[in-house]
């Protein structure tokens, strides 16, 4: 993806003030988020679970999309998110899962208690040194921290332009290694390509699930929707009800916790 010049070279570098401002967009609207955001491909799940963990914490769990996949694999999972609205949707889906309304930097969970810590679509919302230290505190020696992202595959030119119109802020160069604290070894990388069938209304709902749209004024939101309609209908030539395979990719990084001294 290095041939795409507009993707950020330093995707994880953002001020704490800006990060908190954008993250606050997810304090509400959890049900609409949950309806449109995709789950993760099985190969990404296999990558996450290749060391056969039994106890996990899913931090930044949101509405529980990845949490549910971990539970389905037989893991004992605790779900952590700073949005009570997101956790309420998760509780409907997974009433058996313990939830904690907290940040990734300070979960309040027990030290040295889990085999796996996951962040699905969430590592860009935390203070990396603090979140790394907290993940290391939770993990057993040699446990794993795994970070995953689903994103539009902007190596495809028409998808690249779509992502820009949507202001899809979680699209970045998948080869960029996320910052981790010294508690963790050099991470391993995996990437998988797939597609999602969407019509125009679903494209709009996907756009509405993003922080840029949620934090924008009604005037800006209307402009984004108008631009999407023009691009989908007039430029690409799709009818509004047409289902189109939209290319996606999932990339993930997994890192082993160094032994405590």
C-alpha atoms as a PDB file:
ATOM      1  CA  UNK A   1       0.000   0.000   0.000  1.00  0.00           C
ATOM      2  CA  UNK A   2       3.022   2.303  -0.057  1.00  0.00           C
ATOM      3  CA  UNK A   3       1.976   3.624  -3.481  1.00  0.00           C
ATOM      4  CA  UNK A   4      -0.967   5.484  -1.919  1.00  0.00           C
ATOM      5  CA  UNK A   5       0.494   8.855  -0.867  1.00  0.00           C
ATOM      6  CA  UNK A   6      -2.416  10.216   1.146  1.00  0.00           C
ATOM      7  CA  UNK A   7      -2.341   7.500   3.807  1.00  0.00           C
ATOM      8  CA  UNK A   8      -0.690   8.692   7.012  1.00  0.00           C
ATOM      9  CA  UNK A   9       2.918   7.728   7.609  1.00  0.00           C
ATOM     10  CA  UNK A  10       2.465   8.064  11.382  1.00  0.00           C
ATOM     11  CA  UNK A  11      -1.068   6.828  11.922  1.00  0.00           C
ATOM     12  CA  UNK A  12      -0.764   6.366  15.665  1.00  0.00           C
ATOM     13  CA  UNK A  13       0.601   9.822  16.454  1.00  0.00           C
ATOM     14  CA  UNK A  14      -2.217  12.093  17.639  1.00  0.00           C
ATOM     15  CA  UNK A  15      -2.524  14.493  20.543  1.00  0.00           C
ATOM     16  CA  UNK A  16      -4.298  13.284  23.681  1.00  0.00           C
ATOM     17  CA  UNK A  17      -6.800  16.131  23.354  1.00  0.00           C
ATOM     18  CA  UNK A  18      -7.697  15.207  19.766  1.00  0.00           C
ATOM     19  CA  UNK A  19      -7.839  11.487  20.597  1.00  0.00           C
ATOM     20  CA  UNK A  20     -10.230  12.081  23.494  1.00  0.00           C
ATOM     21  CA  UNK A  21     -12.374  14.415  21.399  1.00  0.00           C
ATOM     22  CA  UNK A  22     -12.843  11.844  18.636  1.00  0.00           C
ATOM     23  CA  UNK A  23     -13.256   8.903  21.015  1.00  0.00           C
ATOM     24  CA  UNK A  24     -16.092  10.713  22.786  1.00  0.00           C
ATOM     25  CA  UNK A  25     -18.167  10.168  19.638  1.00  0.00           C
ATOM     26  CA  UNK A  26     -18.679   6.555  20.749  1.00  0.00           C
ATOM     27  CA  UNK A  27     -20.309   7.337  24.092  1.00  0.00           C
ATOM     28  CA  UNK A  28     -23.688   6.957  22.348  1.00  0.00           C
ATOM     29  CA  UNK A  29     -25.176   5.378  19.229  1.00  0.00           C
ATOM     30  CA  UNK A  30     -23.941   1.894  20.037  1.00  0.00           C
ATOM     31  CA  UNK A  31     -26.846   0.030  18.416  1.00  0.00           C
ATOM     32  CA  UNK A  32     -26.339   1.677  15.013  1.00  0.00           C
ATOM     33  CA  UNK A  33     -22.584   1.029  15.282  1.00  0.00           C
ATOM     34  CA  UNK A  34     -23.214  -2.616  16.068  1.00  0.00           C
ATOM     35  CA  UNK A  35     -25.530  -3.163  13.085  1.00  0.00           C
ATOM     36  CA  UNK A  36     -23.046  -2.085  10.421  1.00  0.00           C
ATOM     37  CA  UNK A  37     -19.512  -2.801  11.674  1.00  0.00           C
ATOM     38  CA  UNK A  38     -18.165  -6.152  10.417  1.00  0.00           C
ATOM     39  CA  UNK A  39     -16.746  -9.039  12.397  1.00  0.00           C
ATOM     40  CA  UNK A  40     -13.227 -10.368  11.802  1.00  0.00           C
ATOM     41  CA  UNK A  41     -12.225 -13.174   9.421  1.00  0.00           C
ATOM     42  CA  UNK A  42     -11.491 -16.605  10.820  1.00  0.00           C
ATOM     43  CA  UNK A  43      -7.828 -16.419   9.803  1.00  0.00           C
ATOM     44  CA  UNK A  44      -7.399 -13.293  11.935  1.00  0.00           C
ATOM     45  CA  UNK A  45      -9.056 -15.107  14.833  1.00  0.00           C
ATOM     46  CA  UNK A  46      -6.717 -18.083  14.320  1.00  0.00           C
ATOM     47  CA  UNK A  47      -3.749 -15.688  14.380  1.00  0.00           C
ATOM     48  CA  UNK A  48      -5.001 -14.279  17.681  1.00  0.00           C
ATOM     49  CA  UNK A  49      -5.525 -17.693  19.267  1.00  0.00           C
ATOM     50  CA  UNK A  50      -2.545 -19.674  17.937  1.00  0.00           C
ATOM     51  CA  UNK A  51      -0.998 -19.944  21.419  1.00  0.00           C
ATOM     52  CA  UNK A  52      -4.281 -21.464  22.696  1.00  0.00           C
ATOM     53  CA  UNK A  53      -5.174 -18.935  25.408  1.00  0.00           C
ATOM     54  CA  UNK A  54      -8.004 -19.702  27.789  1.00  0.00           C
ATOM     55  CA  UNK A  55      -8.618 -16.410  29.619  1.00  0.00           C
ATOM     56  CA  UNK A  56      -8.783 -13.071  27.785  1.00  0.00           C
ATOM     57  CA  UNK A  57      -9.579  -9.409  28.223  1.00  0.00           C
ATOM     58  CA  UNK A  58     -11.023  -7.618  25.193  1.00  0.00           C
ATOM     59  CA  UNK A  59     -10.263  -3.917  25.710  1.00  0.00           C
ATOM     60  CA  UNK A  60     -12.095  -1.272  23.708  1.00  0.00           C
ATOM     61  CA  UNK A  61     -14.610  -4.023  23.079  1.00  0.00           C
ATOM     62  CA  UNK A  62     -17.329  -1.643  21.894  1.00  0.00           C
ATOM     63  CA  UNK A  63     -20.565  -3.480  21.264  1.00  0.00           C
ATOM     64  CA  UNK A  64     -18.838  -6.866  21.522  1.00  0.00           C
ATOM     65  CA  UNK A  65     -18.235  -7.799  17.890  1.00  0.00           C
ATOM     66  CA  UNK A  66     -14.830  -9.375  18.508  1.00  0.00           C
ATOM     67  CA  UNK A  67     -15.719 -10.378  22.078  1.00  0.00           C
ATOM     68  CA  UNK A  68     -18.430 -12.624  20.670  1.00  0.00           C
ATOM     69  CA  UNK A  69     -15.947 -14.310  18.358  1.00  0.00           C
ATOM     70  CA  UNK A  70     -13.583 -14.996  21.249  1.00  0.00           C
ATOM     71  CA  UNK A  71     -16.412 -16.423  23.369  1.00  0.00           C
ATOM     72  CA  UNK A  72     -17.495 -18.654  20.485  1.00  0.00           C
ATOM     73  CA  UNK A  73     -13.994 -20.178  20.553  1.00  0.00           C
ATOM     74  CA  UNK A  74     -14.471 -21.170  24.192  1.00  0.00           C
ATOM     75  CA  UNK A  75     -12.489 -18.408  25.895  1.00  0.00           C
ATOM     76  CA  UNK A  76     -13.389 -16.921  29.263  1.00  0.00           C
ATOM     77  CA  UNK A  77     -13.550 -13.235  28.288  1.00  0.00           C
ATOM     78  CA  UNK A  78     -13.902 -10.014  30.251  1.00  0.00           C
ATOM     79  CA  UNK A  79     -14.995  -7.049  28.134  1.00  0.00           C
ATOM     80  CA  UNK A  80     -13.688  -3.543  28.861  1.00  0.00           C
ATOM     81  CA  UNK A  81     -14.851  -0.286  27.287  1.00  0.00           C
ATOM     82  CA  UNK A  82     -15.177   3.355  28.438  1.00  0.00           C
ATOM     83  CA  UNK A  83     -18.676   3.634  26.905  1.00  0.00           C
ATOM     84  CA  UNK A  84     -21.535   2.315  29.004  1.00  0.00           C
ATOM     85  CA  UNK A  85     -23.772   2.560  25.937  1.00  0.00           C
ATOM     86  CA  UNK A  86     -21.517   0.162  24.034  1.00  0.00           C
ATOM     87  CA  UNK A  87     -21.409  -2.220  26.987  1.00  0.00           C
ATOM     88  CA  UNK A  88     -25.204  -2.229  27.223  1.00  0.00           C
ATOM     89  CA  UNK A  89     -25.415  -3.544  23.655  1.00  0.00           C
ATOM     90  CA  UNK A  90     -22.735  -6.123  24.435  1.00  0.00           C
ATOM     91  CA  UNK A  91     -24.665  -7.259  27.519  1.00  0.00           C
ATOM     92  CA  UNK A  92     -27.730  -7.997  25.369  1.00  0.00           C
ATOM     93  CA  UNK A  93     -25.629 -10.075  23.009  1.00  0.00           C
ATOM     94  CA  UNK A  94     -23.465 -11.777  25.634  1.00  0.00           C
ATOM     95  CA  UNK A  95     -25.186 -11.701  29.020  1.00  0.00           C
ATOM     96  CA  UNK A  96     -22.716 -14.228  30.413  1.00  0.00           C
ATOM     97  CA  UNK A  97     -19.688 -11.979  29.798  1.00  0.00           C
ATOM     98  CA  UNK A  98     -18.344  -9.826  32.634  1.00  0.00           C
ATOM     99  CA  UNK A  99     -18.016  -6.175  31.637  1.00  0.00           C
ATOM    100  CA  UNK A 100     -15.999  -3.290  33.057  1.00  0.00           C
ATOM    101  CA  UNK A 101     -16.618   0.337  32.132  1.00  0.00           C
ATOM    102  CA  UNK A 102     -13.052   1.613  32.087  1.00  0.00           C
ATOM    103  CA  UNK A 103     -10.242   2.816  29.851  1.00  0.00           C
ATOM    104  CA  UNK A 104      -7.463   0.667  28.451  1.00  0.00           C
ATOM    105  CA  UNK A 105      -4.983   2.583  30.544  1.00  0.00           C
ATOM    106  CA  UNK A 106      -6.641   1.635  33.864  1.00  0.00           C
ATOM    107  CA  UNK A 107      -8.953  -1.379  33.768  1.00  0.00           C
ATOM    108  CA  UNK A 108      -9.012  -2.150  37.542  1.00  0.00           C
ATOM    109  CA  UNK A 109      -8.716  -5.875  36.738  1.00  0.00           C
ATOM    110  CA  UNK A 110      -6.400  -8.236  38.609  1.00  0.00           C
ATOM    111  CA  UNK A 111      -2.692  -8.336  37.881  1.00  0.00           C
ATOM    112  CA  UNK A 112      -1.157 -11.404  36.206  1.00  0.00           C
ATOM    113  CA  UNK A 113      -4.605 -12.870  35.517  1.00  0.00           C
ATOM    114  CA  UNK A 114      -5.016 -13.508  31.771  1.00  0.00           C
ATOM    115  CA  UNK A 115      -3.394 -15.251  28.814  1.00  0.00           C
ATOM    116  CA  UNK A 116      -4.485 -12.768  26.168  1.00  0.00           C
ATOM    117  CA  UNK A 117      -5.298  -9.073  25.852  1.00  0.00           C
ATOM    118  CA  UNK A 118      -6.986  -7.935  22.632  1.00  0.00           C
ATOM    119  CA  UNK A 119      -7.721  -4.563  21.087  1.00  0.00           C
ATOM    120  CA  UNK A 120      -9.970  -4.837  18.019  1.00  0.00           C
ATOM    121  CA  UNK A 121     -10.299  -1.481  16.244  1.00  0.00           C
ATOM    122  CA  UNK A 122      -9.236   0.322  19.412  1.00  0.00           C
ATOM    123  CA  UNK A 123      -5.468   0.710  19.901  1.00  0.00           C
ATOM    124  CA  UNK A 124      -5.514   4.138  18.211  1.00  0.00           C
ATOM    125  CA  UNK A 125      -7.812   5.384  21.018  1.00  0.00           C
ATOM    126  CA  UNK A 126      -5.371   4.875  23.903  1.00  0.00           C
ATOM    127  CA  UNK A 127      -2.197   6.349  25.339  1.00  0.00           C
ATOM    128  CA  UNK A 128       0.204   3.693  24.092  1.00  0.00           C
ATOM    129  CA  UNK A 129       2.806   3.639  26.909  1.00  0.00           C
ATOM    130  CA  UNK A 130       0.093   3.571  29.571  1.00  0.00           C
ATOM    131  CA  UNK A 131      -2.054   1.012  27.739  1.00  0.00           C
ATOM    132  CA  UNK A 132       1.007  -1.185  27.119  1.00  0.00           C
ATOM    133  CA  UNK A 133       1.884  -1.075  30.819  1.00  0.00           C
ATOM    134  CA  UNK A 134      -1.683  -1.968  31.769  1.00  0.00           C
ATOM    135  CA  UNK A 135      -1.844  -4.847  29.286  1.00  0.00           C
ATOM    136  CA  UNK A 136       1.469  -6.155  30.628  1.00  0.00           C
ATOM    137  CA  UNK A 137       0.155  -5.869  34.186  1.00  0.00           C
ATOM    138  CA  UNK A 138      -2.856  -8.032  33.297  1.00  0.00           C
ATOM    139  CA  UNK A 139      -0.934 -10.682  31.376  1.00  0.00           C
ATOM    140  CA  UNK A 140       0.849 -13.745  32.628  1.00  0.00           C
ATOM    141  CA  UNK A 141       4.511 -13.915  31.631  1.00  0.00           C
ATOM    142  CA  UNK A 142       4.708 -14.786  27.926  1.00  0.00           C
ATOM    143  CA  UNK A 143       1.023 -13.989  27.413  1.00  0.00           C
ATOM    144  CA  UNK A 144       0.007 -12.189  24.240  1.00  0.00           C
ATOM    145  CA  UNK A 145      -1.262  -8.742  23.295  1.00  0.00           C
ATOM    146  CA  UNK A 146      -3.037  -8.746  19.915  1.00  0.00           C
ATOM    147  CA  UNK A 147      -4.152  -5.629  18.033  1.00  0.00           C
ATOM    148  CA  UNK A 148      -6.540  -5.925  15.078  1.00  0.00           C
ATOM    149  CA  UNK A 149      -8.108  -3.579  12.532  1.00  0.00           C
ATOM    150  CA  UNK A 150     -10.703  -4.017   9.832  1.00  0.00           C
ATOM    151  CA  UNK A 151     -10.342  -1.315   7.200  1.00  0.00           C
ATOM    152  CA  UNK A 152     -11.392  -0.488   3.691  1.00  0.00           C
ATOM    153  CA  UNK A 153      -8.827  -1.808   1.218  1.00  0.00           C
ATOM    154  CA  UNK A 154      -7.667   1.510  -0.196  1.00  0.00           C
ATOM    155  CA  UNK A 155      -5.110  -0.154  -2.465  1.00  0.00           C
ATOM    156  CA  UNK A 156      -8.174  -0.407  -4.759  1.00  0.00           C
ATOM    157  CA  UNK A 157      -8.484   3.095  -6.320  1.00  0.00           C
ATOM    158  CA  UNK A 158     -12.277   3.451  -6.154  1.00  0.00           C
ATOM    159  CA  UNK A 159     -12.279   2.318  -2.522  1.00  0.00           C
ATOM    160  CA  UNK A 160      -9.492   4.793  -1.741  1.00  0.00           C
ATOM    161  CA  UNK A 161     -11.681   7.651  -2.962  1.00  0.00           C
ATOM    162  CA  UNK A 162     -14.713   6.265  -1.115  1.00  0.00           C
ATOM    163  CA  UNK A 163     -12.721   6.163   2.129  1.00  0.00           C
ATOM    164  CA  UNK A 164     -11.708   9.796   1.677  1.00  0.00           C
ATOM    165  CA  UNK A 165     -15.311  10.889   1.112  1.00  0.00           C
ATOM    166  CA  UNK A 166     -16.361   8.923   4.205  1.00  0.00           C
ATOM    167  CA  UNK A 167     -13.492  10.435   6.224  1.00  0.00           C
ATOM    168  CA  UNK A 168     -12.586   6.927   7.333  1.00  0.00           C
ATOM    169  CA  UNK A 169     -10.012   7.878   9.948  1.00  0.00           C
ATOM    170  CA  UNK A 170      -9.102   4.304  10.886  1.00  0.00           C
ATOM    171  CA  UNK A 171      -7.614   3.631   7.453  1.00  0.00           C
ATOM    172  CA  UNK A 172      -3.818   3.667   7.590  1.00  0.00           C
ATOM    173  CA  UNK A 173      -0.870   1.811   6.156  1.00  0.00           C
ATOM    174  CA  UNK A 174      -1.202  -1.740   7.515  1.00  0.00           C
ATOM    175  CA  UNK A 175       2.562  -2.226   7.465  1.00  0.00           C
ATOM    176  CA  UNK A 176       2.994   0.513  10.078  1.00  0.00           C
ATOM    177  CA  UNK A 177       4.020  -1.243  13.274  1.00  0.00           C
ATOM    178  CA  UNK A 178       1.897   0.011  16.184  1.00  0.00           C
ATOM    179  CA  UNK A 179       3.793   1.463  19.149  1.00  0.00           C
ATOM    180  CA  UNK A 180       4.183  -0.904  22.104  1.00  0.00           C
ATOM    181  CA  UNK A 181       5.883  -0.512  25.453  1.00  0.00           C
ATOM    182  CA  UNK A 182       9.166  -2.170  26.362  1.00  0.00           C
ATOM    183  CA  UNK A 183       7.185  -4.821  28.248  1.00  0.00           C
ATOM    184  CA  UNK A 184       6.535  -6.510  24.886  1.00  0.00           C
ATOM    185  CA  UNK A 185       8.699  -8.238  22.297  1.00  0.00           C
ATOM    186  CA  UNK A 186       8.772  -7.222  18.632  1.00  0.00           C
ATOM    187  CA  UNK A 187       5.309  -7.976  17.223  1.00  0.00           C
ATOM    188  CA  UNK A 188       4.367 -10.423  14.490  1.00  0.00           C
ATOM    189  CA  UNK A 189       2.141  -9.201  11.645  1.00  0.00           C
ATOM    190  CA  UNK A 190      -0.715 -10.806   9.727  1.00  0.00           C
ATOM    191  CA  UNK A 191      -2.918  -9.451   6.929  1.00  0.00           C
ATOM    192  CA  UNK A 192      -6.002 -10.893   5.207  1.00  0.00           C
ATOM    193  CA  UNK A 193      -8.082  -9.588   2.278  1.00  0.00           C
ATOM    194  CA  UNK A 194     -11.842 -10.075   1.991  1.00  0.00           C
ATOM    195  CA  UNK A 195     -14.960  -8.162   0.906  1.00  0.00           C
ATOM    196  CA  UNK A 196     -18.272  -7.025   2.346  1.00  0.00           C
ATOM    197  CA  UNK A 197     -21.513  -6.757   0.350  1.00  0.00           C
ATOM    198  CA  UNK A 198     -23.015  -3.272   0.838  1.00  0.00           C
ATOM    199  CA  UNK A 199     -25.670  -1.116  -0.782  1.00  0.00           C
ATOM    200  CA  UNK A 200     -25.795   2.676  -0.638  1.00  0.00           C
ATOM    201  CA  UNK A 201     -27.821   2.900   2.573  1.00  0.00           C
ATOM    202  CA  UNK A 202     -25.352   0.587   4.257  1.00  0.00           C
ATOM    203  CA  UNK A 203     -22.460   2.740   3.028  1.00  0.00           C
ATOM    204  CA  UNK A 204     -24.176   5.717   4.662  1.00  0.00           C
ATOM    205  CA  UNK A 205     -24.699   3.773   7.904  1.00  0.00           C
ATOM    206  CA  UNK A 206     -21.035   2.761   7.872  1.00  0.00           C
ATOM    207  CA  UNK A 207     -20.097   6.424   7.443  1.00  0.00           C
ATOM    208  CA  UNK A 208     -22.364   7.394  10.339  1.00  0.00           C
ATOM    209  CA  UNK A 209     -20.530   4.917  12.578  1.00  0.00           C
ATOM    210  CA  UNK A 210     -17.270   6.854  12.251  1.00  0.00           C
ATOM    211  CA  UNK A 211     -15.988   9.472  14.645  1.00  0.00           C
ATOM    212  CA  UNK A 212     -15.622  12.218  12.017  1.00  0.00           C
ATOM    213  CA  UNK A 213     -19.300  12.053  11.066  1.00  0.00           C
ATOM    214  CA  UNK A 214     -20.480  11.730  14.664  1.00  0.00           C
ATOM    215  CA  UNK A 215     -18.543  14.810  15.751  1.00  0.00           C
ATOM    216  CA  UNK A 216     -19.511  16.946  12.725  1.00  0.00           C
ATOM    217  CA  UNK A 217     -22.223  19.574  12.437  1.00  0.00           C
ATOM    218  CA  UNK A 218     -25.522  18.703  10.681  1.00  0.00           C
ATOM    219  CA  UNK A 219     -24.367  20.820   7.717  1.00  0.00           C
ATOM    220  CA  UNK A 220     -21.151  18.831   7.362  1.00  0.00           C
ATOM    221  CA  UNK A 221     -22.993  15.543   7.793  1.00  0.00           C
ATOM    222  CA  UNK A 222     -25.415  16.486   4.999  1.00  0.00           C
ATOM    223  CA  UNK A 223     -22.491  17.403   2.748  1.00  0.00           C
ATOM    224  CA  UNK A 224     -20.803  14.050   3.378  1.00  0.00           C
ATOM    225  CA  UNK A 225     -24.010  12.172   2.542  1.00  0.00           C
ATOM    226  CA  UNK A 226     -24.515  14.248  -0.620  1.00  0.00           C
ATOM    227  CA  UNK A 227     -20.965  13.553  -1.751  1.00  0.00           C
ATOM    228  CA  UNK A 228     -21.439   9.854  -1.106  1.00  0.00           C
ATOM    229  CA  UNK A 229     -24.655   9.787  -3.156  1.00  0.00           C
ATOM    230  CA  UNK A 230     -22.938  11.526  -6.065  1.00  0.00           C
ATOM    231  CA  UNK A 231     -19.967   9.181  -5.943  1.00  0.00           C
ATOM    232  CA  UNK A 232     -21.992   5.977  -5.604  1.00  0.00           C
ATOM    233  CA  UNK A 233     -24.792   6.805  -8.023  1.00  0.00           C
ATOM    234  CA  UNK A 234     -23.375   9.172 -10.627  1.00  0.00           C
ATOM    235  CA  UNK A 235     -19.641   8.552 -10.631  1.00  0.00           C
ATOM    236  CA  UNK A 236     -19.559   4.791 -10.023  1.00  0.00           C
ATOM    237  CA  UNK A 237     -22.895   4.224 -11.762  1.00  0.00           C
ATOM    238  CA  UNK A 238     -24.524   2.044  -9.099  1.00  0.00           C
ATOM    239  CA  UNK A 239     -28.221   2.122  -8.320  1.00  0.00           C
ATOM    240  CA  UNK A 240     -28.839   3.005  -4.692  1.00  0.00           C
ATOM    241  CA  UNK A 241     -30.157  -0.484  -3.946  1.00  0.00           C
ATOM    242  CA  UNK A 242     -27.337  -2.349  -5.709  1.00  0.00           C
ATOM    243  CA  UNK A 243     -25.282  -4.661  -3.533  1.00  0.00           C
ATOM    244  CA  UNK A 244     -21.594  -4.142  -4.278  1.00  0.00           C
ATOM    245  CA  UNK A 245     -18.633  -6.149  -3.001  1.00  0.00           C
ATOM    246  CA  UNK A 246     -16.550  -3.588  -1.130  1.00  0.00           C
ATOM    247  CA  UNK A 247     -12.933  -4.736  -0.656  1.00  0.00           C
ATOM    248  CA  UNK A 248     -11.681  -4.842   2.921  1.00  0.00           C
ATOM    249  CA  UNK A 249      -8.572  -6.022   4.676  1.00  0.00           C
ATOM    250  CA  UNK A 250      -7.863  -7.055   8.233  1.00  0.00           C
ATOM    251  CA  UNK A 251      -4.429  -6.586   9.687  1.00  0.00           C
ATOM    252  CA  UNK A 252      -3.223  -7.649  13.097  1.00  0.00           C
ATOM    253  CA  UNK A 253      -0.149  -7.497  15.272  1.00  0.00           C
ATOM    254  CA  UNK A 254       0.596  -9.904  18.119  1.00  0.00           C
ATOM    255  CA  UNK A 255       3.329  -9.502  20.699  1.00  0.00           C
ATOM    256  CA  UNK A 256       4.450 -11.671  23.618  1.00  0.00           C
ATOM    257  CA  UNK A 257       4.787 -10.178  27.072  1.00  0.00           C
ATOM    258  CA  UNK A 258       8.361 -10.301  28.326  1.00  0.00           C
ATOM    259  CA  UNK A 259       8.927 -12.193  31.581  1.00  0.00           C
ATOM    260  CA  UNK A 260       8.749 -10.206  34.791  1.00  0.00           C
ATOM    261  CA  UNK A 261      12.080  -9.706  36.488  1.00  0.00           C
END
